[in-house]
Amino acid sequence: MSFRAKRGIPFDIILCGKGFLIALARYNYQRGAPVRLEEFRQRVEAEFGPKLQNATPANVREFLDRLQQEAWDNQRRQSERYIMPEENARTYEEVMKEFFVDVLELPAEKAVMLLWTLALDLTFAAIEHQYSEVLDPLFRAAETTD
């Protein structure tokens, strides 16, 4: 389950810091075998259509939650203990700076998939926020007429 802060920033990213983001990078491994970019592309296309025409804030969130769950399950298969990454960052800005520095150390395919999933998450969170700003007055007007 994901909770959202104002402006669409996922709380799980803020609370877990780059541990959450790096967990998505671990998605690149299934039973020890790296997932290739082409396999990832096929999975995205199967989920949302060839041009992402079926992507919505809700099904994007579900897709990313499944990736996170798979990363967690894969990590648990490797070890029953969760090793909490050392987090020195104290603000969201610091977390993101450390994350982007760490991404530069990843192999190119991993970095592309990780940055793509992050961009997808943040973009559709912003779209969800925009929808809520447009639709909220309509529901408030309906409440006052009841």
Protein backbone atom coordinates (compact mmCIF):
# COMPACT_ATOMS: atom_id res chain seq x y z
CA MET A 1 0.00 0.00 0.00
CA SER A 2 1.28 3.45 -0.83
CA PHE A 3 0.26 6.66 0.86
CA ARG A 4 0.76 9.99 -0.84
CA ALA A 5 1.86 13.32 0.51
CA LYS A 6 0.82 16.64 -0.96
CA ARG A 7 2.07 17.25 -4.47
CA GLY A 8 2.02 13.52 -5.16
CA ILE A 9 5.26 12.58 -3.41
CA PRO A 10 4.96 8.95 -2.30
CA PHE A 11 5.49 8.59 1.46
CA ASP A 12 7.24 5.26 0.97
CA ILE A 13 10.01 7.05 -0.93
CA ILE A 14 10.32 9.68 1.77
CA LEU A 15 10.20 7.24 4.68
CA CYS A 16 12.41 4.54 3.23
CA GLY A 17 14.65 6.90 1.36
CA LYS A 18 16.79 5.39 -1.27
CA GLY A 19 16.22 1.95 0.24
CA PHE A 20 12.85 1.91 -1.53
CA LEU A 21 14.32 3.17 -4.76
CA ILE A 22 17.18 0.69 -4.68
CA ALA A 23 14.61 -2.06 -3.97
CA LEU A 24 13.17 -1.31 -7.40
CA ALA A 25 16.66 -1.74 -8.85
CA ARG A 26 16.73 -5.19 -7.27
CA TYR A 27 13.71 -6.01 -9.43
CA ASN A 28 16.29 -6.54 -12.17
CA TYR A 29 17.05 -9.92 -10.64
CA GLN A 30 14.71 -12.88 -10.70
CA ARG A 31 16.15 -15.99 -9.12
CA GLY A 32 19.62 -14.58 -9.63
CA ALA A 33 19.23 -13.91 -13.37
CA PRO A 34 19.25 -10.27 -14.46
CA VAL A 35 16.14 -9.05 -16.27
CA ARG A 36 17.17 -7.50 -19.55
CA LEU A 37 15.84 -4.19 -20.77
CA GLU A 38 13.94 -5.92 -23.58
CA GLU A 39 12.17 -8.20 -21.07
CA PHE A 40 11.30 -5.16 -18.96
CA ARG A 41 10.02 -3.35 -22.06
CA GLN A 42 7.82 -6.34 -22.92
CA ARG A 43 6.40 -6.43 -19.42
CA VAL A 44 5.60 -2.70 -19.53
CA GLU A 45 3.97 -3.08 -22.95
CA ALA A 46 1.89 -6.04 -21.75
CA GLU A 47 0.75 -4.01 -18.75
CA PHE A 48 -0.02 -0.65 -20.39
CA GLY A 49 -0.07 -1.21 -24.17
CA PRO A 50 2.56 -0.39 -26.81
CA LYS A 51 2.30 3.39 -26.37
CA LEU A 52 1.29 3.34 -22.67
CA GLN A 53 -2.24 4.15 -23.86
CA ASN A 54 -3.77 2.11 -21.02
CA ALA A 55 -1.68 3.67 -18.24
CA THR A 56 -3.61 5.43 -15.48
CA PRO A 57 -2.48 6.68 -12.08
CA ALA A 58 -4.19 3.66 -10.48
CA ASN A 59 -2.74 0.90 -12.65
CA VAL A 60 0.71 2.52 -12.69
CA ARG A 61 0.66 2.47 -8.88
CA GLU A 62 -0.41 -1.20 -8.91
CA PHE A 63 2.36 -2.09 -11.38
CA LEU A 64 5.02 -0.31 -9.33
CA ASP A 65 3.71 -1.89 -6.12
CA ARG A 66 4.05 -5.33 -7.76
CA LEU A 67 7.63 -4.51 -8.79
CA GLN A 68 8.37 -3.48 -5.22
CA GLN A 69 6.79 -6.66 -3.85
CA GLU A 70 8.80 -8.79 -6.29
CA ALA A 71 11.99 -7.00 -5.26
CA TRP A 72 11.14 -7.67 -1.61
CA ASP A 73 10.33 -11.33 -2.30
CA ASN A 74 13.56 -11.78 -4.26
CA GLN A 75 15.55 -10.24 -1.44
CA ARG A 76 13.86 -12.52 1.10
CA ARG A 77 14.73 -15.56 -1.03
CA GLN A 78 18.38 -14.52 -0.83
CA SER A 79 18.29 -13.78 2.90
CA GLU A 80 15.66 -13.88 5.64
CA ARG A 81 17.19 -10.76 7.18
CA TYR A 82 16.51 -7.35 5.74
CA ILE A 83 19.61 -5.21 5.81
CA MET A 84 18.59 -1.62 6.27
CA PRO A 85 20.78 0.58 4.10
CA GLU A 86 22.66 3.23 6.01
CA GLU A 87 20.82 6.46 5.41
CA ASN A 88 22.63 9.70 6.14
CA ALA A 89 20.19 11.95 4.34
CA ARG A 90 17.87 13.96 6.52
CA THR A 91 15.65 15.53 3.87
CA TYR A 92 13.90 14.35 0.74
CA GLU A 93 16.28 16.51 -1.29
CA GLU A 94 19.32 14.80 0.25
CA VAL A 95 17.78 11.35 -0.31
CA MET A 96 17.23 12.10 -3.97
CA LYS A 97 20.74 13.52 -4.44
CA GLU A 98 22.27 10.37 -2.94
CA PHE A 99 19.99 8.23 -5.07
CA PHE A 100 21.05 9.91 -8.30
CA VAL A 101 24.72 9.62 -7.36
CA ASP A 102 24.22 5.90 -6.67
CA VAL A 103 22.40 5.39 -9.98
CA LEU A 104 25.50 6.60 -11.81
CA GLU A 105 27.35 3.60 -10.35
CA LEU A 106 24.85 1.07 -11.75
CA PRO A 107 25.22 -0.79 -15.04
CA ALA A 108 23.43 1.09 -17.85
CA GLU A 109 20.50 -1.34 -18.23
CA LYS A 110 19.77 -1.30 -14.50
CA ALA A 111 20.01 2.49 -14.38
CA VAL A 112 17.61 2.90 -17.31
CA MET A 113 15.00 0.62 -15.74
CA LEU A 114 15.35 2.23 -12.33
CA LEU A 115 15.15 5.79 -13.63
CA TRP A 116 12.25 4.86 -15.91
CA THR A 117 10.23 3.40 -13.03
CA LEU A 118 10.99 6.44 -10.86
CA ALA A 119 9.98 8.83 -13.67
CA LEU A 120 6.80 6.82 -14.28
CA ASP A 121 5.93 6.93 -10.58
CA LEU A 122 6.54 10.66 -10.17
CA THR A 123 4.83 11.58 -13.44
CA PHE A 124 1.65 9.64 -12.73
CA ALA A 125 1.61 10.86 -9.14
CA ALA A 126 1.62 14.40 -10.52
CA ILE A 127 -1.16 13.49 -12.97
CA GLU A 128 -3.18 12.00 -10.10
CA HIS A 129 -2.68 15.20 -8.11
CA GLN A 130 -3.76 17.29 -11.10
CA TYR A 131 -6.91 15.16 -11.53
CA SER A 132 -7.75 15.57 -7.87
CA GLU A 133 -7.42 19.36 -8.10
CA VAL A 134 -9.82 19.41 -11.06
CA LEU A 135 -12.34 16.92 -9.66
CA ASP A 136 -12.29 17.95 -5.98
CA PRO A 137 -14.44 21.08 -6.53
CA LEU A 138 -17.04 18.99 -8.36
CA PHE A 139 -17.39 16.65 -5.40
CA ARG A 140 -17.41 19.48 -2.91
CA ALA A 141 -20.27 21.13 -4.86
CA ALA A 142 -22.19 17.83 -4.77
CA GLU A 143 -21.71 17.58 -1.00
CA THR A 144 -23.13 21.07 -0.39
CA THR A 145 -26.28 20.34 -2.41
CA ASP A 146 -27.07 17.20 -0.38
